[in-house]
Amino acid sequence: MMLRLIKNWRGLLPALLCAATLFASTPAQAQQAAVAPEVSIRSVDSIALQGATAILDLTLSIRNTGGLALPLQKLRFQIQFNGLDVAQGVSTAPVTIAAQQQAQVPVQVEVNSATLLSLIATLPSDGTVRYVILQ
């Protein structure tokens, strides 16, 4: 579990996915990784609504900055803001990213829209949010 403060909540998903990528690696790989993988959202492929849940299909661009291959069999994560469950995600295809290489990783994220909207409405003026990443 990791607790951090972030000033711009819009930059949260890439940060969370970067941390989740590290959780997916073995302890030996995590210890030998000099720098965390670089994660960015390449595309939002689809958005669907099912009741109060928004389902986003994303493609992430992940650059393995470490010296070992990074196998991602099943990347899973949960997102909490201010102690409330907001989203959960899972990769939809296994990918191995060679050392110093980049790969595209498909991810599906389920967002509790009602909870997220209520939290956005109560954000402090500086945009700082406490969040937790659970593996």
N, C-alpha and C. Protein backbone atom coordinates (compact mmCIF):
# COMPACT_ATOMS: atom_id res chain seq x y z
N MET A 1 0.85 -1.17 0.00
CA MET A 1 0.00 0.00 0.00
C MET A 1 0.89 1.23 0.00
N MET A 2 0.46 2.28 -0.70
CA MET A 2 1.27 3.48 -0.80
C MET A 2 0.34 4.68 -0.67
N LEU A 3 0.71 5.65 0.15
CA LEU A 3 -0.08 6.86 0.32
C LEU A 3 0.76 8.04 -0.13
N ARG A 4 0.20 8.85 -1.01
CA ARG A 4 0.92 10.01 -1.51
C ARG A 4 -0.06 11.16 -1.65
N LEU A 5 0.48 12.35 -1.75
CA LEU A 5 -0.32 13.52 -2.07
C LEU A 5 0.00 13.92 -3.50
N ILE A 6 -1.02 14.33 -4.20
CA ILE A 6 -0.82 14.77 -5.58
C ILE A 6 -1.58 16.07 -5.75
N LYS A 7 -0.98 17.03 -6.43
CA LYS A 7 -1.63 18.32 -6.59
C LYS A 7 -2.59 18.34 -7.77
N ASN A 8 -2.29 17.61 -8.80
CA ASN A 8 -3.14 17.60 -9.98
C ASN A 8 -3.76 16.22 -10.12
N TRP A 9 -5.02 16.06 -9.75
CA TRP A 9 -5.65 14.74 -9.75
C TRP A 9 -5.76 14.17 -11.15
N ARG A 10 -5.68 14.99 -12.18
CA ARG A 10 -5.76 14.48 -13.55
C ARG A 10 -4.53 13.67 -13.92
N GLY A 11 -3.41 13.90 -13.26
CA GLY A 11 -2.19 13.14 -13.51
C GLY A 11 -2.11 11.87 -12.69
N LEU A 12 -3.18 11.55 -11.98
CA LEU A 12 -3.16 10.42 -11.06
C LEU A 12 -3.10 9.08 -11.76
N LEU A 13 -3.89 8.86 -12.80
CA LEU A 13 -3.94 7.54 -13.42
C LEU A 13 -2.57 7.07 -13.92
N PRO A 14 -1.80 7.89 -14.63
CA PRO A 14 -0.46 7.41 -15.02
C PRO A 14 0.41 7.08 -13.82
N ALA A 15 0.33 7.88 -12.76
CA ALA A 15 1.13 7.59 -11.56
C ALA A 15 0.71 6.27 -10.93
N LEU A 16 -0.59 6.03 -10.88
CA LEU A 16 -1.09 4.78 -10.30
C LEU A 16 -0.67 3.58 -11.14
N LEU A 17 -0.75 3.71 -12.42
CA LEU A 17 -0.39 2.60 -13.28
C LEU A 17 1.11 2.32 -13.24
N CYS A 18 1.89 3.34 -13.07
CA CYS A 18 3.33 3.15 -12.91
C CYS A 18 3.60 2.34 -11.64
N ALA A 19 2.95 2.70 -10.55
CA ALA A 19 3.14 1.97 -9.30
C ALA A 19 2.63 0.54 -9.43
N ALA A 20 1.50 0.36 -10.09
CA ALA A 20 0.95 -0.98 -10.26
C ALA A 20 1.89 -1.84 -11.10
N THR A 21 2.57 -1.23 -12.07
CA THR A 21 3.54 -1.96 -12.87
C THR A 21 4.67 -2.48 -12.00
N LEU A 22 5.12 -1.66 -11.07
CA LEU A 22 6.17 -2.11 -10.15
C LEU A 22 5.68 -3.25 -9.28
N PHE A 23 4.41 -3.19 -8.83
CA PHE A 23 3.86 -4.26 -8.01
C PHE A 23 3.82 -5.57 -8.77
N ALA A 24 3.68 -5.51 -10.10
CA ALA A 24 3.57 -6.72 -10.91
C ALA A 24 4.91 -7.42 -11.10
N SER A 25 6.01 -6.74 -10.84
CA SER A 25 7.32 -7.35 -11.03
C SER A 25 7.72 -8.15 -9.80
N THR A 26 8.67 -9.07 -9.99
CA THR A 26 9.14 -9.89 -8.88
C THR A 26 10.01 -9.03 -7.96
N PRO A 27 10.22 -9.44 -6.68
CA PRO A 27 11.05 -8.65 -5.78
C PRO A 27 12.46 -8.41 -6.33
N ALA A 28 13.07 -9.42 -6.96
CA ALA A 28 14.42 -9.25 -7.51
C ALA A 28 14.42 -8.19 -8.60
N GLN A 29 13.39 -8.21 -9.44
CA GLN A 29 13.31 -7.22 -10.50
C GLN A 29 13.10 -5.83 -9.92
N ALA A 30 12.25 -5.73 -8.91
CA ALA A 30 11.98 -4.43 -8.30
C ALA A 30 13.24 -3.85 -7.67
N GLN A 31 14.06 -4.71 -7.04
CA GLN A 31 15.28 -4.24 -6.41
C GLN A 31 16.30 -3.78 -7.44
N GLN A 32 16.34 -4.44 -8.60
CA GLN A 32 17.34 -4.11 -9.61
C GLN A 32 16.90 -2.96 -10.52
N ALA A 33 15.64 -2.60 -10.45
CA ALA A 33 15.17 -1.51 -11.29
C ALA A 33 15.72 -0.19 -10.77
N ALA A 34 16.52 0.49 -11.60
CA ALA A 34 17.13 1.74 -11.17
C ALA A 34 16.10 2.86 -11.14
N VAL A 35 15.17 2.82 -12.07
CA VAL A 35 14.17 3.87 -12.20
C VAL A 35 12.83 3.20 -12.48
N ALA A 36 11.77 3.77 -11.95
CA ALA A 36 10.43 3.23 -12.18
C ALA A 36 10.07 3.33 -13.66
N PRO A 37 9.24 2.40 -14.15
CA PRO A 37 8.79 2.49 -15.54
C PRO A 37 8.08 3.82 -15.80
N GLU A 38 8.18 4.31 -17.01
CA GLU A 38 7.49 5.54 -17.41
C GLU A 38 6.15 5.13 -18.02
N VAL A 39 5.07 5.67 -17.49
CA VAL A 39 3.73 5.29 -17.93
C VAL A 39 2.99 6.53 -18.41
N SER A 40 2.36 6.40 -19.57
CA SER A 40 1.50 7.46 -20.07
C SER A 40 0.29 6.83 -20.75
N ILE A 41 -0.76 7.60 -20.84
CA ILE A 41 -1.96 7.12 -21.53
C ILE A 41 -1.79 7.43 -23.01
N ARG A 42 -1.73 6.38 -23.82
CA ARG A 42 -1.58 6.55 -25.27
C ARG A 42 -2.91 6.91 -25.90
N SER A 43 -3.97 6.20 -25.46
CA SER A 43 -5.29 6.49 -26.03
C SER A 43 -6.39 6.01 -25.10
N VAL A 44 -7.53 6.66 -25.22
CA VAL A 44 -8.76 6.19 -24.59
C VAL A 44 -9.56 5.58 -25.74
N ASP A 45 -9.66 4.25 -25.73
CA ASP A 45 -10.23 3.55 -26.86
C ASP A 45 -11.75 3.49 -26.83
N SER A 46 -12.32 3.43 -25.64
CA SER A 46 -13.78 3.45 -25.53
C SER A 46 -14.19 3.81 -24.11
N ILE A 47 -15.37 4.38 -24.02
CA ILE A 47 -15.97 4.70 -22.72
C ILE A 47 -17.41 4.21 -22.79
N ALA A 48 -17.80 3.42 -21.80
CA ALA A 48 -19.17 2.92 -21.74
C ALA A 48 -19.72 3.18 -20.34
N LEU A 49 -21.01 3.33 -20.24
CA LEU A 49 -21.66 3.52 -18.95
C LEU A 49 -22.56 2.32 -18.66
N GLN A 50 -22.42 1.80 -17.45
CA GLN A 50 -23.30 0.73 -16.97
C GLN A 50 -23.79 1.17 -15.60
N GLY A 51 -24.97 1.76 -15.55
CA GLY A 51 -25.48 2.30 -14.30
C GLY A 51 -24.59 3.44 -13.84
N ALA A 52 -24.08 3.35 -12.60
CA ALA A 52 -23.22 4.39 -12.04
C ALA A 52 -21.74 4.11 -12.29
N THR A 53 -21.45 3.14 -13.16
CA THR A 53 -20.06 2.77 -13.44
C THR A 53 -19.67 3.17 -14.85
N ALA A 54 -18.56 3.87 -14.96
CA ALA A 54 -17.98 4.19 -16.26
C ALA A 54 -16.87 3.17 -16.52
N ILE A 55 -16.89 2.56 -17.69
CA ILE A 55 -15.87 1.58 -18.06
C ILE A 55 -15.03 2.18 -19.18
N LEU A 56 -13.74 2.33 -18.90
CA LEU A 56 -12.82 2.92 -19.86
C LEU A 56 -11.85 1.86 -20.34
N ASP A 57 -11.73 1.73 -21.65
CA ASP A 57 -10.69 0.89 -22.24
C ASP A 57 -9.58 1.84 -22.67
N LEU A 58 -8.42 1.67 -22.03
CA LEU A 58 -7.27 2.53 -22.28
C LEU A 58 -6.13 1.73 -22.90
N THR A 59 -5.29 2.40 -23.64
CA THR A 59 -4.01 1.82 -24.04
C THR A 59 -2.94 2.66 -23.38
N LEU A 60 -2.11 1.98 -22.59
CA LEU A 60 -1.01 2.65 -21.91
C LEU A 60 0.27 2.45 -22.69
N SER A 61 1.10 3.44 -22.67
CA SER A 61 2.45 3.31 -23.20
C SER A 61 3.36 3.19 -21.98
N ILE A 62 4.03 2.04 -21.85
CA ILE A 62 4.90 1.80 -20.70
C ILE A 62 6.32 1.59 -21.21
N ARG A 63 7.23 2.41 -20.71
CA ARG A 63 8.65 2.28 -21.05
C ARG A 63 9.37 1.68 -19.86
N ASN A 64 10.00 0.54 -20.09
CA ASN A 64 10.77 -0.15 -19.06
C ASN A 64 12.15 0.49 -19.01
N THR A 65 12.40 1.26 -17.97
CA THR A 65 13.68 1.96 -17.84
C THR A 65 14.71 1.13 -17.08
N GLY A 66 14.32 -0.07 -16.65
CA GLY A 66 15.22 -0.94 -15.89
C GLY A 66 16.11 -1.78 -16.79
N GLY A 67 16.97 -2.56 -16.14
CA GLY A 67 17.92 -3.39 -16.86
C GLY A 67 17.45 -4.80 -17.12
N LEU A 68 16.25 -5.16 -16.66
CA LEU A 68 15.69 -6.50 -16.86
C LEU A 68 14.35 -6.41 -17.57
N ALA A 69 13.96 -7.50 -18.23
CA ALA A 69 12.64 -7.56 -18.85
C ALA A 69 11.57 -7.43 -17.77
N LEU A 70 10.45 -6.83 -18.10
CA LEU A 70 9.36 -6.62 -17.17
C LEU A 70 8.13 -7.39 -17.66
N PRO A 71 7.87 -8.59 -17.12
CA PRO A 71 6.70 -9.36 -17.55
C PRO A 71 5.44 -8.89 -16.81
N LEU A 72 4.43 -8.54 -17.57
CA LEU A 72 3.15 -8.14 -17.00
C LEU A 72 2.11 -9.17 -17.41
N GLN A 73 1.86 -10.13 -16.55
CA GLN A 73 0.87 -11.16 -16.86
C GLN A 73 -0.55 -10.65 -16.61
N LYS A 74 -0.75 -10.04 -15.45
CA LYS A 74 -2.06 -9.51 -15.09
C LYS A 74 -1.83 -8.35 -14.14
N LEU A 75 -2.00 -7.17 -14.62
CA LEU A 75 -1.83 -5.96 -13.83
C LEU A 75 -3.17 -5.61 -13.21
N ARG A 76 -3.26 -5.59 -11.89
CA ARG A 76 -4.51 -5.26 -11.19
C ARG A 76 -4.24 -4.13 -10.20
N PHE A 77 -5.21 -3.23 -10.06
CA PHE A 77 -5.05 -2.16 -9.08
C PHE A 77 -6.42 -1.62 -8.68
N GLN A 78 -6.45 -1.00 -7.50
CA GLN A 78 -7.63 -0.31 -7.01
C GLN A 78 -7.21 1.11 -6.66
N ILE A 79 -8.13 2.05 -6.82
CA ILE A 79 -7.84 3.45 -6.53
C ILE A 79 -8.81 3.94 -5.47
N GLN A 80 -8.26 4.55 -4.42
CA GLN A 80 -9.07 5.17 -3.38
C GLN A 80 -8.69 6.64 -3.28
N PHE A 81 -9.70 7.50 -3.20
CA PHE A 81 -9.50 8.92 -2.93
C PHE A 81 -10.13 9.20 -1.58
N ASN A 82 -9.39 9.87 -0.72
CA ASN A 82 -9.91 10.26 0.60
C ASN A 82 -10.63 9.11 1.29
N GLY A 83 -10.10 7.89 1.15
CA GLY A 83 -10.64 6.72 1.82
C GLY A 83 -11.81 6.06 1.13
N LEU A 84 -12.25 6.56 0.00
CA LEU A 84 -13.39 5.98 -0.71
C LEU A 84 -12.91 5.25 -1.97
N ASP A 85 -13.45 4.04 -2.20
CA ASP A 85 -13.13 3.30 -3.42
C ASP A 85 -13.71 4.04 -4.62
N VAL A 86 -12.86 4.35 -5.58
CA VAL A 86 -13.28 5.11 -6.76
C VAL A 86 -13.18 4.28 -8.03
N ALA A 87 -12.11 3.50 -8.17
CA ALA A 87 -11.91 2.77 -9.42
C ALA A 87 -11.08 1.52 -9.18
N GLN A 88 -11.19 0.61 -10.14
CA GLN A 88 -10.33 -0.58 -10.17
C GLN A 88 -9.99 -0.85 -11.62
N GLY A 89 -8.83 -1.43 -11.83
CA GLY A 89 -8.40 -1.68 -13.20
C GLY A 89 -7.67 -2.98 -13.33
N VAL A 90 -7.59 -3.45 -14.58
CA VAL A 90 -6.90 -4.70 -14.88
C VAL A 90 -6.41 -4.64 -16.33
N SER A 91 -5.21 -5.17 -16.55
CA SER A 91 -4.72 -5.27 -17.92
C SER A 91 -5.51 -6.36 -18.63
N THR A 92 -5.67 -6.22 -19.93
CA THR A 92 -6.50 -7.17 -20.67
C THR A 92 -5.70 -8.11 -21.56
N ALA A 93 -4.37 -7.97 -21.56
CA ALA A 93 -3.52 -8.88 -22.33
C ALA A 93 -2.14 -8.91 -21.68
N PRO A 94 -1.51 -10.11 -21.61
CA PRO A 94 -0.16 -10.18 -21.05
C PRO A 94 0.86 -9.54 -22.00
N VAL A 95 1.84 -8.88 -21.41
CA VAL A 95 2.87 -8.21 -22.19
C VAL A 95 4.19 -8.36 -21.44
N THR A 96 5.28 -8.60 -22.16
CA THR A 96 6.61 -8.55 -21.58
C THR A 96 7.35 -7.40 -22.25
N ILE A 97 7.85 -6.49 -21.43
CA ILE A 97 8.55 -5.32 -21.95
C ILE A 97 10.05 -5.53 -21.72
N ALA A 98 10.80 -5.62 -22.80
CA ALA A 98 12.24 -5.82 -22.71
C ALA A 98 12.89 -4.62 -22.02
N ALA A 99 14.07 -4.86 -21.44
CA ALA A 99 14.82 -3.79 -20.79
C ALA A 99 15.04 -2.63 -21.76
N GLN A 100 14.82 -1.43 -21.28
CA GLN A 100 15.03 -0.20 -22.05
C GLN A 100 14.14 -0.11 -23.30
N GLN A 101 13.01 -0.82 -23.29
CA GLN A 101 12.09 -0.80 -24.43
C GLN A 101 10.73 -0.28 -23.98
N GLN A 102 9.85 -0.10 -24.94
CA GLN A 102 8.52 0.43 -24.68
C GLN A 102 7.49 -0.51 -25.28
N ALA A 103 6.32 -0.60 -24.65
CA ALA A 103 5.24 -1.45 -25.17
C ALA A 103 3.90 -0.78 -24.90
N GLN A 104 2.91 -1.21 -25.66
CA GLN A 104 1.54 -0.74 -25.47
C GLN A 104 0.80 -1.79 -24.65
N VAL A 105 0.13 -1.37 -23.58
CA VAL A 105 -0.56 -2.29 -22.68
C VAL A 105 -2.03 -1.90 -22.60
N PRO A 106 -2.94 -2.80 -23.03
CA PRO A 106 -4.36 -2.50 -22.91
C PRO A 106 -4.83 -2.70 -21.47
N VAL A 107 -5.63 -1.75 -20.97
CA VAL A 107 -6.12 -1.78 -19.59
C VAL A 107 -7.59 -1.40 -19.60
N GLN A 108 -8.38 -2.07 -18.75
CA GLN A 108 -9.77 -1.69 -18.56
C GLN A 108 -9.92 -1.15 -17.14
N VAL A 109 -10.51 0.03 -17.02
CA VAL A 109 -10.69 0.68 -15.72
C VAL A 109 -12.18 0.89 -15.50
N GLU A 110 -12.66 0.45 -14.33
CA GLU A 110 -14.05 0.67 -13.94
C GLU A 110 -14.06 1.77 -12.88
N VAL A 111 -14.80 2.85 -13.17
CA VAL A 111 -14.84 4.01 -12.29
C VAL A 111 -16.24 4.15 -11.71
N ASN A 112 -16.32 4.29 -10.38
CA ASN A 112 -17.59 4.56 -9.72
C ASN A 112 -17.87 6.05 -9.93
N SER A 113 -18.67 6.35 -10.92
CA SER A 113 -18.88 7.74 -11.35
C SER A 113 -19.47 8.60 -10.25
N ALA A 114 -20.44 8.09 -9.52
CA ALA A 114 -21.09 8.89 -8.47
C ALA A 114 -20.09 9.28 -7.39
N THR A 115 -19.27 8.32 -6.96
CA THR A 115 -18.28 8.61 -5.92
C THR A 115 -17.24 9.60 -6.44
N LEU A 116 -16.77 9.40 -7.66
CA LEU A 116 -15.76 10.30 -8.22
C LEU A 116 -16.30 11.72 -8.33
N LEU A 117 -17.52 11.87 -8.82
CA LEU A 117 -18.11 13.20 -8.97
C LEU A 117 -18.28 13.88 -7.62
N SER A 118 -18.69 13.12 -6.60
CA SER A 118 -18.85 13.73 -5.28
C SER A 118 -17.51 14.17 -4.71
N LEU A 119 -16.45 13.41 -4.98
CA LEU A 119 -15.12 13.80 -4.51
C LEU A 119 -14.59 15.02 -5.25
N ILE A 120 -14.82 15.08 -6.55
CA ILE A 120 -14.37 16.23 -7.33
C ILE A 120 -15.05 17.50 -6.83
N ALA A 121 -16.32 17.38 -6.48
CA ALA A 121 -17.07 18.54 -5.99
C ALA A 121 -16.52 19.07 -4.67
N THR A 122 -15.84 18.21 -3.91
CA THR A 122 -15.33 18.63 -2.60
C THR A 122 -13.82 18.82 -2.58
N LEU A 123 -13.18 18.89 -3.74
CA LEU A 123 -11.73 19.09 -3.78
C LEU A 123 -11.34 20.42 -3.17
N PRO A 124 -10.24 20.44 -2.43
CA PRO A 124 -9.74 21.73 -1.95
C PRO A 124 -9.33 22.60 -3.14
N SER A 125 -9.26 23.89 -2.93
CA SER A 125 -8.97 24.81 -4.04
C SER A 125 -7.60 24.56 -4.67
N ASP A 126 -6.66 23.99 -3.92
CA ASP A 126 -5.34 23.72 -4.51
C ASP A 126 -5.30 22.41 -5.29
N GLY A 127 -6.40 21.63 -5.27
CA GLY A 127 -6.49 20.39 -6.04
C GLY A 127 -5.78 19.21 -5.42
N THR A 128 -5.26 19.34 -4.20
CA THR A 128 -4.55 18.25 -3.54
C THR A 128 -5.53 17.17 -3.09
N VAL A 129 -5.18 15.93 -3.40
CA VAL A 129 -6.03 14.79 -3.05
C VAL A 129 -5.16 13.72 -2.41
N ARG A 130 -5.66 13.09 -1.36
CA ARG A 130 -4.97 11.94 -0.80
C ARG A 130 -5.50 10.70 -1.51
N TYR A 131 -4.60 9.85 -1.96
CA TYR A 131 -5.03 8.63 -2.63
C TYR A 131 -4.20 7.45 -2.17
N VAL A 132 -4.75 6.25 -2.38
CA VAL A 132 -4.09 5.01 -2.00
C VAL A 132 -4.13 4.08 -3.19
N ILE A 133 -3.02 3.38 -3.44
CA ILE A 133 -2.95 2.36 -4.47
C ILE A 133 -2.93 1.02 -3.77
N LEU A 134 -3.83 0.13 -4.12
CA LEU A 134 -3.87 -1.21 -3.55
C LEU A 134 -3.61 -2.20 -4.66
N GLN A 135 -2.78 -3.17 -4.39
CA GLN A 135 -2.53 -4.19 -5.41
C GLN A 135 -3.38 -5.40 -5.15
